[in-house]
Amino acid sequence: MQPLNATLWVWQSSWGRTPSFHFVYLEYNPGWNSSAGNLLHVRAVGLEDTIHYIWSTIGAPTVLLVYTGSTNSALHVNWTALLSPSPSGAIRVEPATSILYSTAVIFPKVTAYKESGRDASLPRLLHTANSSKVEFVMSGVSPRGNHSRFALEVVTVEERGWRRQLRAVSSIDDEYSPTIFEVALRARPVSPGFLQWKTAAYSSRHAERIDTVQCRYYPLRTANRTVPRPSIALAYFGQELERDHAVAAVNISFGSEDDEAYQEKGYLSWSALIGFGEPPMDSFSPLVIAILAVALGAPVVLLVVGSLAVLAVGNKRHSEYEPIN
């Protein structure tokens, strides 16, 4: 299999935000001509920085994000080590001194379980030039029972000193899914990286609002967490990953006890954004702002015009009155 190379140019501009652009380069299995590997490298080069996204299903499905302060930083993969039982150090971004931030998001486990007791293209996530979308799709997977639900475990890796934190936001500014909470998984005190999603999944390839499936996230777990082996996170961060880095995990479940959407359609999709910088926040589009301005401004204009007309008529009647001597 020959390596795949492609180049894109991405320009990002949002209402009320400063425009930015990146040249995006795609490489599949860089430096490797065998079908034994499965690694996609996305390099987004800005004016003064570079964001590296490394996607792979070698071991647990994993996304690495490495942010550098150089436009010349490059990915190096030791394929022999990466495909061995000890992949530590097989993935490097050089020069190492240019690395400002790195994180990993791992999807180690999908669980099907029977609901019991009281266990508790939408959603159109807002993209920026500093983010990348990850989509989880289940199609044709046989459930364990008639009322089975599925749950996805998400594991994150951060440098020591940062602590992951979940933050839920609900805003009427989202004109596409205004009643759905938006969740951002960030590190504190201040981390430049984020994982963001909406609490909704969909039961159709061509999703409409009627295809919405309830999505619920559970408390973040940080104690005694481990990273599954094998994983490209180990190849980048090293064998002593848990000792030298902060590992956190969160479970996300789909559907409810009475939800038969997956049993009926056999399809489920959920998407999230992984990125660098502040998580993008939804805001009204210029068209919606114009409509609101007309809708709210018209009554005010009519009120002002009506008041002026009443005053004008009153003054006219007063001026025509002649006192009787």
Protein backbone atom coordinates (compact mmCIF):
# COMPACT_ATOMS: atom_id res chain seq x y z
CA MET A 1 0.00 0.00 0.00
CA GLN A 2 1.46 3.33 -1.08
CA PRO A 3 1.40 6.23 1.41
CA LEU A 4 -1.37 8.76 0.84
CA ASN A 5 -0.43 12.43 0.70
CA ALA A 6 -2.79 15.35 0.23
CA THR A 7 -2.75 19.09 0.85
CA LEU A 8 -5.66 21.34 1.80
CA TRP A 9 -5.95 25.00 2.65
CA VAL A 10 -8.37 25.84 5.46
CA TRP A 11 -9.52 29.38 6.23
CA GLN A 12 -11.64 29.96 9.31
CA SER A 13 -13.72 33.03 10.00
CA SER A 14 -16.55 33.29 12.52
CA TRP A 15 -18.94 36.12 13.28
CA GLY A 16 -17.15 38.46 15.65
CA ARG A 17 -13.87 36.50 15.59
CA THR A 18 -10.46 37.13 14.06
CA PRO A 19 -9.98 35.09 10.85
CA SER A 20 -7.22 32.46 10.76
CA PHE A 21 -5.99 29.93 8.25
CA HIS A 22 -3.99 26.71 8.12
CA PHE A 23 -2.40 24.68 5.38
CA VAL A 24 -3.46 21.09 6.04
CA TYR A 25 -1.32 18.14 4.95
CA LEU A 26 -2.58 14.54 5.11
CA GLU A 27 -0.33 11.48 5.28
CA TYR A 28 -1.43 7.88 5.60
CA ASN A 29 1.18 5.51 7.05
CA PRO A 30 4.05 7.98 6.53
CA GLY A 31 7.29 6.15 5.75
CA TRP A 32 5.60 2.74 5.60
CA ASN A 33 4.57 0.77 2.49
CA SER A 34 2.91 -2.19 4.20
CA SER A 35 -0.77 -2.69 4.95
CA ALA A 36 0.12 -3.90 8.47
CA GLY A 37 -0.11 -0.37 9.89
CA ASN A 38 -3.00 2.05 10.13
CA LEU A 39 -2.00 5.62 10.98
CA LEU A 40 -3.24 8.94 9.61
CA HIS A 41 -1.19 12.09 10.20
CA VAL A 42 -2.91 15.46 9.76
CA ARG A 43 -0.55 18.43 9.95
CA ALA A 44 -2.20 21.88 10.15
CA VAL A 45 0.43 24.58 9.58
CA GLY A 46 -0.39 28.16 10.56
CA LEU A 47 1.63 31.36 10.33
CA GLU A 48 3.74 30.62 13.40
CA ASP A 49 2.62 27.22 14.69
CA THR A 50 1.61 23.69 13.75
CA ILE A 51 -1.03 21.31 15.09
CA HIS A 52 -0.37 17.60 14.57
CA TYR A 53 -3.30 15.18 14.72
CA ILE A 54 -2.28 11.51 14.70
CA TRP A 55 -5.16 9.05 14.28
CA SER A 56 -4.72 5.29 14.56
CA THR A 57 -6.54 2.05 15.34
CA ILE A 58 -3.32 0.22 16.15
CA GLY A 59 -4.52 -1.09 19.49
CA ALA A 60 -7.25 1.04 21.04
CA PRO A 61 -8.58 3.76 18.68
CA THR A 62 -6.64 6.90 19.63
CA VAL A 63 -6.23 10.52 18.60
CA LEU A 64 -3.03 12.36 19.52
CA LEU A 65 -2.91 16.17 19.43
CA VAL A 66 0.51 17.82 19.51
CA TYR A 67 0.77 21.62 19.31
CA THR A 68 4.13 23.15 18.42
CA GLY A 69 5.41 26.70 18.13
CA SER A 70 7.17 25.98 14.85
CA THR A 71 6.02 25.69 11.25
CA ASN A 72 8.77 23.13 10.58
CA SER A 73 7.95 20.52 13.23
CA ALA A 74 7.71 17.01 11.80
CA LEU A 75 6.38 13.58 12.77
CA HIS A 76 8.77 10.64 12.97
CA VAL A 77 7.45 7.07 13.25
CA ASN A 78 9.59 4.01 14.03
CA TRP A 79 7.29 1.42 12.50
CA THR A 80 9.26 -1.58 13.72
CA ALA A 81 8.93 -0.38 17.31
CA LEU A 82 5.33 0.80 16.86
CA LEU A 83 4.15 -2.65 15.77
CA SER A 84 6.16 -4.43 18.46
CA PRO A 85 4.92 -5.35 21.97
CA SER A 86 6.96 -2.41 23.37
CA PRO A 87 6.09 0.68 21.28
CA SER A 88 7.39 3.27 23.77
CA GLY A 89 9.12 6.12 21.92
CA ALA A 90 8.02 4.92 18.48
CA ILE A 91 6.19 8.19 17.73
CA ARG A 92 8.03 11.51 18.03
CA VAL A 93 7.46 15.09 16.96
CA GLU A 94 10.68 17.01 16.39
CA PRO A 95 12.21 19.32 17.29
CA ALA A 96 11.08 18.35 20.79
CA THR A 97 11.85 21.87 22.06
CA SER A 98 9.07 23.27 19.84
CA ILE A 99 6.32 21.22 21.54
CA LEU A 100 4.08 23.48 23.63
CA TYR A 101 1.24 21.06 24.41
CA SER A 102 0.27 17.45 23.79
CA THR A 103 -2.72 15.32 24.72
CA ALA A 104 -4.42 12.07 23.74
CA VAL A 105 -8.02 10.91 23.54
CA ILE A 106 -8.53 7.14 23.60
CA PHE A 107 -11.67 5.08 22.97
CA PRO A 108 -10.81 1.79 24.66
CA LYS A 109 -14.20 0.24 25.22
CA VAL A 110 -17.73 -0.01 23.87
CA THR A 111 -20.14 -1.80 26.20
CA ALA A 112 -23.60 -3.21 25.52
CA TYR A 113 -25.71 -3.67 28.63
CA LYS A 114 -29.35 -4.30 29.50
CA GLU A 115 -31.24 -1.40 30.98
CA SER A 116 -32.64 -1.99 34.46
CA GLY A 117 -33.86 0.13 37.35
CA ARG A 118 -33.64 3.89 37.04
CA ASP A 119 -30.26 4.22 35.27
CA ALA A 120 -30.44 7.17 33.50
CA SER A 121 -25.47 16.36 9.33
CA LEU A 122 -26.66 17.16 13.33
CA PRO A 123 -25.59 18.20 15.85
CA ARG A 124 -23.72 20.60 13.61
CA LEU A 125 -20.79 21.22 15.90
CA LEU A 126 -19.11 24.56 15.43
CA HIS A 127 -15.63 24.04 13.97
CA THR A 128 -12.57 26.27 14.11
CA ALA A 129 -9.25 26.06 12.31
CA ASN A 130 -7.75 24.64 15.53
CA SER A 131 -10.08 21.68 15.95
CA SER A 132 -10.78 18.32 14.38
CA LYS A 133 -13.93 16.22 14.42
CA VAL A 134 -14.05 12.63 15.64
CA GLU A 135 -17.14 10.55 14.89
CA PHE A 136 -18.19 7.31 16.54
CA VAL A 137 -20.49 5.17 14.39
CA MET A 138 -22.16 1.83 15.14
CA SER A 139 -23.88 0.12 12.23
CA GLY A 140 -25.33 -3.37 12.26
CA VAL A 141 -23.91 -4.35 15.67
CA SER A 142 -26.15 -6.92 17.33
CA PRO A 143 -27.33 -5.82 20.80
CA ARG A 144 -27.31 -8.25 23.72
CA GLY A 145 -31.05 -7.99 24.29
CA ASN A 146 -34.21 -6.24 23.23
CA HIS A 147 -33.56 -3.33 25.58
CA SER A 148 -29.76 -3.12 25.41
CA ARG A 149 -28.00 0.23 25.59
CA PHE A 150 -24.51 1.11 24.46
CA ALA A 151 -21.89 3.07 26.37
CA LEU A 152 -18.58 4.48 25.15
CA GLU A 153 -15.57 4.97 27.42
CA VAL A 154 -13.33 7.95 26.63
CA VAL A 155 -9.86 8.17 28.19
CA THR A 156 -7.75 11.35 28.09
CA VAL A 157 -4.07 11.92 28.80
CA GLU A 158 -2.66 15.22 30.08
CA GLU A 159 0.67 16.43 31.34
CA ARG A 160 1.16 16.50 35.10
CA GLY A 161 -0.13 19.64 36.82
CA TRP A 162 -3.38 19.76 34.87
CA ARG A 163 -6.64 18.23 36.04
CA ARG A 164 -9.48 17.39 33.70
CA GLN A 165 -12.85 18.97 34.40
CA LEU A 166 -16.29 18.61 32.82
CA ARG A 167 -18.25 21.75 32.04
CA ALA A 168 -21.80 21.77 30.67
CA VAL A 169 -23.18 24.81 28.86
CA SER A 170 -26.70 25.48 27.58
CA SER A 171 -27.26 28.48 25.35
CA ILE A 172 -30.15 29.86 23.30
CA ASP A 173 -27.55 31.09 20.81
CA ASP A 174 -27.46 27.63 19.20
CA GLU A 175 -29.95 27.92 16.35
CA TYR A 176 -29.48 24.27 15.26
CA SER A 177 -30.08 22.39 18.54
CA PRO A 178 -31.13 25.05 21.08
CA THR A 179 -32.37 22.67 23.79
CA ILE A 180 -29.31 20.39 23.84
CA PHE A 181 -26.54 20.86 26.37
CA GLU A 182 -23.00 21.30 25.15
CA VAL A 183 -20.25 19.65 27.19
CA ALA A 184 -16.57 20.58 27.19
CA LEU A 185 -13.90 18.39 28.79
CA ARG A 186 -10.96 20.61 29.70
CA ALA A 187 -8.02 20.56 32.05
CA ARG A 188 -7.47 23.00 34.88
CA PRO A 189 -6.10 25.41 35.95
CA VAL A 190 -5.65 26.44 32.31
CA SER A 191 -5.22 23.93 29.51
CA PRO A 192 -4.99 24.87 25.84
CA GLY A 193 -6.72 21.65 24.74
CA PHE A 194 -10.34 20.49 24.84
CA LEU A 195 -12.75 17.71 23.92
CA GLN A 196 -16.24 19.02 23.19
CA TRP A 197 -19.52 17.35 22.33
CA LYS A 198 -23.28 17.75 22.52
CA THR A 199 -25.49 15.46 24.57
CA ALA A 200 -27.15 13.96 21.51
CA ALA A 201 -26.55 11.03 19.19
CA TYR A 202 -28.47 10.15 16.03
CA SER A 203 -30.04 6.98 14.66
CA SER A 204 -29.79 7.82 10.95
CA ARG A 205 -26.99 8.46 8.46
CA HIS A 206 -28.89 11.53 7.27
CA ALA A 207 -29.82 12.82 10.70
CA GLU A 208 -32.83 14.99 11.38
CA ARG A 209 -34.06 16.23 14.75
CA ILE A 210 -36.56 13.38 14.86
CA ASP A 211 -33.58 10.96 14.86
CA THR A 212 -32.12 12.36 18.09
CA VAL A 213 -31.09 9.75 20.66
CA GLN A 214 -30.59 10.67 24.31
CA CYS A 215 -26.93 10.94 25.25
CA ARG A 216 -25.80 10.99 28.87
CA TYR A 217 -22.35 11.45 30.38
CA TYR A 218 -21.26 10.24 33.81
CA PRO A 219 -18.88 11.70 36.43
CA LEU A 220 -15.25 12.03 35.43
CA ARG A 221 -13.00 9.36 36.95
CA THR A 222 -9.37 10.22 37.67
CA ALA A 223 -8.30 7.76 40.38
CA ASN A 224 -6.20 4.72 39.37
CA ARG A 225 -6.92 5.07 35.66
CA THR A 226 -4.86 3.14 33.12
CA VAL A 227 -4.31 3.49 29.39
CA PRO A 228 -5.13 0.36 27.37
CA ARG A 229 -2.30 -1.58 25.78
CA PRO A 230 -1.48 -1.37 22.97
CA SER A 231 -2.14 2.24 21.96
CA ILE A 232 -0.25 4.93 20.07
CA ALA A 233 -0.56 7.02 23.25
CA LEU A 234 2.09 4.73 24.75
CA ALA A 235 4.19 5.08 21.62
CA TYR A 236 4.25 8.85 22.10
CA PHE A 237 4.11 9.42 25.86
CA GLY A 238 6.17 6.39 26.91
CA GLN A 239 5.71 3.18 28.87
CA GLU A 240 5.40 4.99 32.23
CA LEU A 241 2.48 7.04 30.97
CA GLU A 242 0.28 6.67 34.05
CA ARG A 243 3.11 7.64 36.39
CA ASP A 244 4.22 10.73 34.48
CA HIS A 245 0.88 12.01 33.18
CA ALA A 246 -2.67 12.66 34.36
CA VAL A 247 -5.17 10.10 33.06
CA ALA A 248 -8.95 10.58 33.26
CA ALA A 249 -11.95 8.67 31.91
CA VAL A 250 -15.61 9.41 31.27
CA ASN A 251 -18.43 7.10 30.18
CA ILE A 252 -21.04 8.27 27.68
CA SER A 253 -24.22 6.21 27.23
CA PHE A 254 -26.74 6.34 24.39
CA GLY A 255 -30.48 5.78 24.56
CA SER A 256 -32.90 5.19 27.42
CA GLU A 257 -34.95 2.30 28.73
CA ASP A 258 -37.84 3.02 26.38
CA ASP A 259 -35.72 4.02 23.38
CA GLU A 260 -35.96 1.47 20.56
CA ALA A 261 -34.19 3.62 17.94
CA TYR A 262 -31.11 1.41 17.59
CA GLN A 263 -33.11 -1.83 17.61
CA GLU A 264 -35.30 -0.45 14.82
CA LYS A 265 -32.64 1.14 12.60
CA GLY A 266 -29.39 -0.60 13.59
CA TYR A 267 -27.45 2.66 13.37
CA LEU A 268 -25.99 5.11 15.88
CA SER A 269 -23.61 8.05 15.42
CA TRP A 270 -22.05 10.45 17.93
CA SER A 271 -19.48 13.15 17.22
CA ALA A 272 -17.10 15.36 19.17
CA LEU A 273 -14.41 17.96 18.59
CA ILE A 274 -10.82 17.70 19.77
CA GLY A 275 -8.84 20.88 19.49
CA PHE A 276 -6.41 23.47 20.75
CA GLY A 277 -7.37 26.80 22.33
CA GLU A 278 -10.78 27.87 23.61
CA PRO A 279 -13.73 25.60 22.74
CA PRO A 280 -15.85 27.30 20.06
CA MET A 281 -19.10 28.76 21.36
CA ASP A 282 -22.28 28.91 19.31
CA SER A 283 -23.59 32.33 18.37
CA PHE A 284 -26.40 33.63 16.21
CA SER A 285 -25.62 33.91 12.51
CA PRO A 286 -25.87 37.33 10.79
CA LEU A 287 -29.13 36.22 9.15
CA VAL A 288 -30.72 35.36 12.51
CA ILE A 289 -29.47 38.63 14.01
CA ALA A 290 -31.02 40.55 11.10
CA ILE A 291 -34.35 38.73 11.53
CA LEU A 292 -34.34 39.42 15.27
CA ALA A 293 -33.50 43.07 14.65
CA VAL A 294 -36.44 43.42 12.27
CA ALA A 295 -38.81 41.46 14.53
CA LEU A 296 -37.90 43.40 17.66
CA GLY A 297 -37.25 46.72 15.98
CA ALA A 298 -40.51 46.96 14.03
CA PRO A 299 -42.76 47.28 17.14
CA VAL A 300 -40.43 49.92 18.57
CA VAL A 301 -40.52 51.90 15.32
CA LEU A 302 -44.33 51.66 15.19
CA LEU A 303 -44.56 52.79 18.82
CA VAL A 304 -42.33 55.80 18.19
CA VAL A 305 -44.18 56.75 14.98
CA GLY A 306 -47.55 56.34 16.71
CA SER A 307 -46.44 58.49 19.66
CA LEU A 308 -45.22 61.22 17.33
CA ALA A 309 -48.51 61.11 15.39
CA VAL A 310 -50.55 61.43 18.60
CA LEU A 311 -48.43 64.39 19.71
CA ALA A 312 -48.77 66.03 16.31
CA VAL A 313 -52.57 65.68 16.31
CA GLY A 314 -52.77 67.02 19.87
CA ASN A 315 -50.68 70.06 19.05
CA LYS A 316 -52.77 70.76 15.95
CA ARG A 317 -56.02 70.72 17.93
CA HIS A 318 -54.50 72.97 20.55
CA SER A 319 -53.34 75.49 17.94
CA GLU A 320 -56.87 75.67 16.35
CA TYR A 321 -58.60 76.49 19.66
CA GLU A 322 -59.71 80.15 20.00
CA PRO A 323 -60.50 81.39 23.49
CA ILE A 324 -63.93 83.13 24.05
CA ASN A 325 -63.82 86.63 25.54
